[in-house]
PDB file of all heavy atoms in Angstrom:
ATOM      1  N   LEU A   1      12.119 -17.667  12.433  1.00  0.00           N
ATOM      2  CA  LEU A   1      11.438 -17.024  13.635  1.00  0.00           C
ATOM      3  C   LEU A   1      10.205 -16.177  13.216  1.00  0.00           C
ATOM      4  O   LEU A   1       9.245 -16.259  13.840  1.00  0.00           O
ATOM      5  CB  LEU A   1      12.434 -16.005  14.220  1.00  0.00           C
ATOM      6  CG  LEU A   1      13.659 -16.643  14.966  1.00  0.00           C
ATOM      7  CD1 LEU A   1      14.568 -15.624  15.495  1.00  0.00           C
ATOM      8  CD2 LEU A   1      13.174 -17.605  16.085  1.00  0.00           C
ATOM      9  N   VAL A   2      10.247 -15.595  12.036  1.00  0.00           N
ATOM     10  CA  VAL A   2       9.070 -14.908  11.509  1.00  0.00           C
ATOM     11  C   VAL A   2       8.769 -15.449  10.131  1.00  0.00           C
ATOM     12  O   VAL A   2       9.621 -15.345   9.210  1.00  0.00           O
ATOM     13  CB  VAL A   2       9.419 -13.421  11.440  1.00  0.00           C
ATOM     14  CG1 VAL A   2       8.132 -12.651  10.860  1.00  0.00           C
ATOM     15  CG2 VAL A   2       9.694 -12.809  12.834  1.00  0.00           C
ATOM     16  N   ARG A   3       7.628 -15.936   9.935  1.00  0.00           N
ATOM     17  CA  ARG A   3       7.217 -16.519   8.610  1.00  0.00           C
ATOM     18  C   ARG A   3       6.774 -15.430   7.709  1.00  0.00           C
ATOM     19  O   ARG A   3       6.313 -14.407   8.152  1.00  0.00           O
ATOM     20  CB  ARG A   3       6.186 -17.590   8.819  1.00  0.00           C
ATOM     21  CG  ARG A   3       6.543 -18.718   9.728  1.00  0.00           C
ATOM     22  CD  ARG A   3       5.455 -19.573  10.037  1.00  0.00           C
ATOM     23  NE  ARG A   3       4.403 -18.817  10.741  1.00  0.00           N
ATOM     24  CZ  ARG A   3       3.213 -19.347  11.134  1.00  0.00           C
ATOM     25  NH1 ARG A   3       2.926 -20.569  10.856  1.00  0.00           N
ATOM     26  NH2 ARG A   3       2.336 -18.595  11.820  1.00  0.00           N
ATOM     27  N   ALA A   4       6.945 -15.641   6.398  1.00  0.00           N
ATOM     28  CA  ALA A   4       6.631 -14.615   5.441  1.00  0.00           C
ATOM     29  C   ALA A   4       5.103 -14.294   5.430  1.00  0.00           C
ATOM     30  O   ALA A   4       4.750 -13.128   5.283  1.00  0.00           O
ATOM     31  CB  ALA A   4       6.958 -15.139   4.077  1.00  0.00           C
ATOM     32  N   CYS A   5       4.348 -15.224   5.773  1.00  0.00           N
ATOM     33  CA  CYS A   5       2.794 -15.015   5.807  1.00  0.00           C
ATOM     34  C   CYS A   5       2.461 -14.122   7.068  1.00  0.00           C
ATOM     35  O   CYS A   5       1.340 -13.563   7.173  1.00  0.00           O
ATOM     36  CB  CYS A   5       2.036 -16.306   5.836  1.00  0.00           C
ATOM     37  SG  CYS A   5       2.461 -17.383   7.191  1.00  0.00           S
ATOM     38  N   ASP A   6       3.426 -13.953   8.018  1.00  0.00           N
ATOM     39  CA  ASP A   6       3.105 -13.058   9.152  1.00  0.00           C
ATOM     40  C   ASP A   6       3.447 -11.614   8.892  1.00  0.00           C
ATOM     41  O   ASP A   6       3.022 -10.705   9.626  1.00  0.00           O
ATOM     42  CB  ASP A   6       3.997 -13.505  10.408  1.00  0.00           C
ATOM     43  CG  ASP A   6       3.557 -14.792  10.972  1.00  0.00           C
ATOM     44  OD1 ASP A   6       2.286 -15.085  10.984  1.00  0.00           O
ATOM     45  OD2 ASP A   6       4.415 -15.599  11.468  1.00  0.00           O
ATOM     46  N   LEU A   7       4.202 -11.350   7.900  1.00  0.00           N
ATOM     47  CA  LEU A   7       4.600  -9.968   7.549  1.00  0.00           C
ATOM     48  C   LEU A   7       3.466  -9.251   6.710  1.00  0.00           C
ATOM     49  O   LEU A   7       2.780  -9.861   5.943  1.00  0.00           O
ATOM     50  CB  LEU A   7       5.902 -10.013   6.759  1.00  0.00           C
ATOM     51  CG  LEU A   7       7.046 -10.599   7.545  1.00  0.00           C
ATOM     52  CD1 LEU A   7       8.248 -10.732   6.636  1.00  0.00           C
ATOM     53  CD2 LEU A   7       7.437  -9.812   8.774  1.00  0.00           C
ATOM     54  N   PRO A   8       3.422  -7.936   6.846  1.00  0.00           N
ATOM     55  CA  PRO A   8       2.451  -7.243   6.001  1.00  0.00           C
ATOM     56  C   PRO A   8       2.824  -7.298   4.547  1.00  0.00           C
ATOM     57  O   PRO A   8       4.046  -7.415   4.241  1.00  0.00           O
ATOM     58  CB  PRO A   8       2.641  -5.772   6.444  1.00  0.00           C
ATOM     59  CG  PRO A   8       3.419  -5.769   7.663  1.00  0.00           C
ATOM     60  CD  PRO A   8       4.107  -7.086   7.700  1.00  0.00           C
ATOM     61  N   GLY A   9       1.862  -7.410   3.740  1.00  0.00           N
ATOM     62  CA  GLY A   9       2.049  -7.532   2.253  1.00  0.00           C
ATOM     63  C   GLY A   9       2.527  -6.287   1.582  1.00  0.00           C
ATOM     64  O   GLY A   9       2.755  -5.274   2.254  1.00  0.00           O
ATOM     65  N   PRO A  10       2.590  -6.307   0.301  1.00  0.00           N
ATOM     66  CA  PRO A  10       3.038  -5.131  -0.476  1.00  0.00           C
ATOM     67  C   PRO A  10       1.938  -3.993  -0.446  1.00  0.00           C
ATOM     68  O   PRO A  10       0.789  -4.271  -0.053  1.00  0.00           O
ATOM     69  CB  PRO A  10       3.211  -5.630  -1.823  1.00  0.00           C
ATOM     70  CG  PRO A  10       2.298  -6.830  -1.931  1.00  0.00           C
ATOM     71  CD  PRO A  10       2.291  -7.435  -0.552  1.00  0.00           C
ATOM     72  N   TRP A  11       2.338  -2.775  -0.777  1.00  0.00           N
ATOM     73  CA  TRP A  11       1.472  -1.713  -0.918  1.00  0.00           C
ATOM     74  C   TRP A  11       0.556  -1.938  -2.088  1.00  0.00           C
ATOM     75  O   TRP A  11       1.047  -2.481  -3.140  1.00  0.00           O
ATOM     76  CB  TRP A  11       2.232  -0.364  -1.055  1.00  0.00           C
ATOM     77  CG  TRP A  11       2.898  -0.027   0.206  1.00  0.00           C
ATOM     78  CD1 TRP A  11       4.132  -0.231   0.593  1.00  0.00           C
ATOM     79  CD2 TRP A  11       2.295   0.775   1.268  1.00  0.00           C
ATOM     80  NE1 TRP A  11       4.376   0.308   1.837  1.00  0.00           N
ATOM     81  CE2 TRP A  11       3.273   0.982   2.227  1.00  0.00           C
ATOM     82  CE3 TRP A  11       1.022   1.346   1.407  1.00  0.00           C
ATOM     83  CZ2 TRP A  11       3.020   1.726   3.400  1.00  0.00           C
ATOM     84  CZ3 TRP A  11       0.844   2.065   2.603  1.00  0.00           C
ATOM     85  CH2 TRP A  11       1.900   2.297   3.573  1.00  0.00           C
ATOM     86  N   THR A  12      -0.679  -1.532  -2.065  1.00  0.00           N
ATOM     87  CA  THR A  12      -1.686  -1.771  -3.121  1.00  0.00           C
ATOM     88  C   THR A  12      -2.645  -0.591  -3.109  1.00  0.00           C
ATOM     89  O   THR A  12      -2.695   0.117  -2.112  1.00  0.00           O
ATOM     90  CB  THR A  12      -2.366  -3.113  -3.082  1.00  0.00           C
ATOM     91  OG1 THR A  12      -3.128  -3.311  -4.140  1.00  0.00           O
ATOM     92  CG2 THR A  12      -3.150  -3.187  -1.707  1.00  0.00           C
ATOM     93  N   ILE A  13      -3.360  -0.389  -4.171  1.00  0.00           N
ATOM     94  CA  ILE A  13      -4.410   0.550  -4.142  1.00  0.00           C
ATOM     95  C   ILE A  13      -5.780  -0.119  -4.276  1.00  0.00           C
ATOM     96  O   ILE A  13      -5.893  -1.142  -4.911  1.00  0.00           O
ATOM     97  CB  ILE A  13      -4.328   1.608  -5.254  1.00  0.00           C
ATOM     98  CG1 ILE A  13      -4.379   1.114  -6.638  1.00  0.00           C
ATOM     99  CG2 ILE A  13      -3.023   2.429  -5.154  1.00  0.00           C
ATOM    100  CD1 ILE A  13      -4.379   2.158  -7.775  1.00  0.00           C
ATOM    101  N   GLY A  14      -6.798   0.402  -3.630  1.00  0.00           N
ATOM    102  CA  GLY A  14      -8.092  -0.245  -3.484  1.00  0.00           C
ATOM    103  C   GLY A  14      -9.107   0.271  -4.595  1.00  0.00           C
ATOM    104  O   GLY A  14     -10.257   0.020  -4.453  1.00  0.00           O
ATOM    105  N   THR A  15      -8.721   0.946  -5.493  1.00  0.00           N
ATOM    106  CA  THR A  15      -9.493   1.519  -6.581  1.00  0.00           C
ATOM    107  C   THR A  15      -8.752   1.444  -7.910  1.00  0.00           C
ATOM    108  O   THR A  15      -7.584   1.079  -8.016  1.00  0.00           O
ATOM    109  CB  THR A  15     -10.009   2.972  -6.258  1.00  0.00           C
ATOM    110  OG1 THR A  15     -10.963   3.338  -7.195  1.00  0.00           O
ATOM    111  CG2 THR A  15      -8.810   3.931  -6.145  1.00  0.00           C
ATOM    112  N   SER A  16      -9.424   1.901  -9.038  1.00  0.00           N
ATOM    113  CA  SER A  16      -8.756   1.857 -10.302  1.00  0.00           C
ATOM    114  C   SER A  16      -7.674   2.809 -10.495  1.00  0.00           C
ATOM    115  O   SER A  16      -6.657   2.622 -11.227  1.00  0.00           O
ATOM    116  CB  SER A  16      -9.748   1.841 -11.443  1.00  0.00           C
ATOM    117  OG  SER A  16     -10.482   3.073 -11.348  1.00  0.00           O
ATOM    118  N   ALA A  17      -7.799   3.993  -9.886  1.00  0.00           N
ATOM    119  CA  ALA A  17      -6.765   5.026  -9.955  1.00  0.00           C
ATOM    120  C   ALA A  17      -6.868   6.016  -8.834  1.00  0.00           C
ATOM    121  O   ALA A  17      -7.910   6.158  -8.258  1.00  0.00           O
ATOM    122  CB  ALA A  17      -7.046   5.821 -11.329  1.00  0.00           C
ATOM    123  N   VAL A  18      -5.723   6.655  -8.490  1.00  0.00           N
ATOM    124  CA  VAL A  18      -5.674   7.542  -7.359  1.00  0.00           C
ATOM    125  C   VAL A  18      -4.864   8.786  -7.877  1.00  0.00           C
ATOM    126  O   VAL A  18      -3.834   8.672  -8.529  1.00  0.00           O
ATOM    127  CB  VAL A  18      -4.936   6.990  -6.149  1.00  0.00           C
ATOM    128  CG1 VAL A  18      -4.812   7.965  -5.059  1.00  0.00           C
ATOM    129  CG2 VAL A  18      -5.666   5.820  -5.658  1.00  0.00           C
ATOM    130  N   LYS A  19      -5.306  10.015  -7.518  1.00  0.00           N
ATOM    131  CA  LYS A  19      -4.522  11.182  -7.951  1.00  0.00           C
ATOM    132  C   LYS A  19      -3.275  11.308  -7.097  1.00  0.00           C
ATOM    133  O   LYS A  19      -3.407  11.198  -5.832  1.00  0.00           O
ATOM    134  CB  LYS A  19      -5.370  12.394  -7.798  1.00  0.00           C
ATOM    135  CG  LYS A  19      -6.433  12.557  -8.906  1.00  0.00           C
ATOM    136  CD  LYS A  19      -7.293  13.852  -8.721  1.00  0.00           C
ATOM    137  CE  LYS A  19      -8.361  13.943  -9.742  1.00  0.00           C
ATOM    138  NZ  LYS A  19      -9.065  15.157  -9.583  1.00  0.00           N
ATOM    139  N   ILE A  20      -2.176  11.647  -7.710  1.00  0.00           N
ATOM    140  CA  ILE A  20      -0.928  11.911  -6.963  1.00  0.00           C
ATOM    141  C   ILE A  20      -0.923  13.427  -6.898  1.00  0.00           C
ATOM    142  O   ILE A  20      -0.973  14.147  -7.863  1.00  0.00           O
ATOM    143  CB  ILE A  20       0.288  11.450  -7.765  1.00  0.00           C
ATOM    144  CG1 ILE A  20       0.210   9.904  -7.963  1.00  0.00           C
ATOM    145  CG2 ILE A  20       1.563  11.756  -6.963  1.00  0.00           C
ATOM    146  CD1 ILE A  20       1.297   9.368  -8.878  1.00  0.00           C
ATOM    147  N   ARG A  21      -0.808  13.936  -5.567  1.00  0.00           N
ATOM    148  CA  ARG A  21      -0.923  15.376  -5.364  1.00  0.00           C
ATOM    149  C   ARG A  21       0.432  15.964  -4.871  1.00  0.00           C
ATOM    150  O   ARG A  21       1.337  15.267  -4.415  1.00  0.00           O
ATOM    151  CB  ARG A  21      -2.008  15.568  -4.324  1.00  0.00           C
ATOM    152  CG  ARG A  21      -3.387  15.115  -4.785  1.00  0.00           C
ATOM    153  CD  ARG A  21      -4.498  15.668  -3.982  1.00  0.00           C
ATOM    154  NE  ARG A  21      -5.749  15.290  -4.441  1.00  0.00           N
ATOM    155  CZ  ARG A  21      -6.480  16.043  -5.336  1.00  0.00           C
ATOM    156  NH1 ARG A  21      -5.973  17.153  -5.807  1.00  0.00           N
ATOM    157  NH2 ARG A  21      -7.612  15.657  -5.670  1.00  0.00           N
ATOM    158  N   LYS A  22       0.589  17.286  -5.054  1.00  0.00           N
ATOM    159  CA  LYS A  22       1.708  17.963  -4.746  1.00  0.00           C
ATOM    160  C   LYS A  22       2.006  18.011  -3.244  1.00  0.00           C
ATOM    161  O   LYS A  22       3.142  17.927  -2.849  1.00  0.00           O
ATOM    162  CB  LYS A  22       1.678  19.354  -5.304  1.00  0.00           C
ATOM    163  CG  LYS A  22       2.906  20.236  -5.285  1.00  0.00           C
ATOM    164  CD  LYS A  22       2.789  21.500  -5.971  1.00  0.00           C
ATOM    165  CE  LYS A  22       4.081  22.283  -5.917  1.00  0.00           C
ATOM    166  NZ  LYS A  22       3.992  23.414  -6.716  1.00  0.00           N
ATOM    167  N   SER A  23       0.902  18.249  -2.425  1.00  0.00           N
ATOM    168  CA  SER A  23       1.081  18.167  -1.008  1.00  0.00           C
ATOM    169  C   SER A  23      -0.108  17.304  -0.433  1.00  0.00           C
ATOM    170  O   SER A  23      -1.006  17.008  -1.159  1.00  0.00           O
ATOM    171  CB  SER A  23       0.918  19.619  -0.448  1.00  0.00           C
ATOM    172  OG  SER A  23      -0.246  20.180  -0.820  1.00  0.00           O
ATOM    173  N   PRO A  24       0.025  16.956   0.819  1.00  0.00           N
ATOM    174  CA  PRO A  24      -1.036  15.939   1.422  1.00  0.00           C
ATOM    175  C   PRO A  24      -2.302  16.584   1.777  1.00  0.00           C
ATOM    176  O   PRO A  24      -2.797  16.585   2.922  1.00  0.00           O
ATOM    177  CB  PRO A  24      -0.303  15.425   2.625  1.00  0.00           C
ATOM    178  CG  PRO A  24       0.659  16.490   3.029  1.00  0.00           C
ATOM    179  CD  PRO A  24       1.045  17.172   1.796  1.00  0.00           C
ATOM    180  N   THR A  25      -2.982  17.181   0.837  1.00  0.00           N
ATOM    181  CA  THR A  25      -4.370  17.710   0.992  1.00  0.00           C
ATOM    182  C   THR A  25      -5.216  17.512  -0.278  1.00  0.00           C
ATOM    183  O   THR A  25      -4.618  17.496  -1.341  1.00  0.00           O
ATOM    184  CB  THR A  25      -4.423  19.208   1.325  1.00  0.00           C
ATOM    185  OG1 THR A  25      -3.919  19.958   0.160  1.00  0.00           O
ATOM    186  CG2 THR A  25      -3.596  19.590   2.575  1.00  0.00           C
TER     187      THR A  25
END
């Protein structure tokens, strides 16, 4: 009923690195 190509893909990052922060600011 739902093909695999219709589903959203995996999470990814669009740069070389991202800081992980203690709170969302």
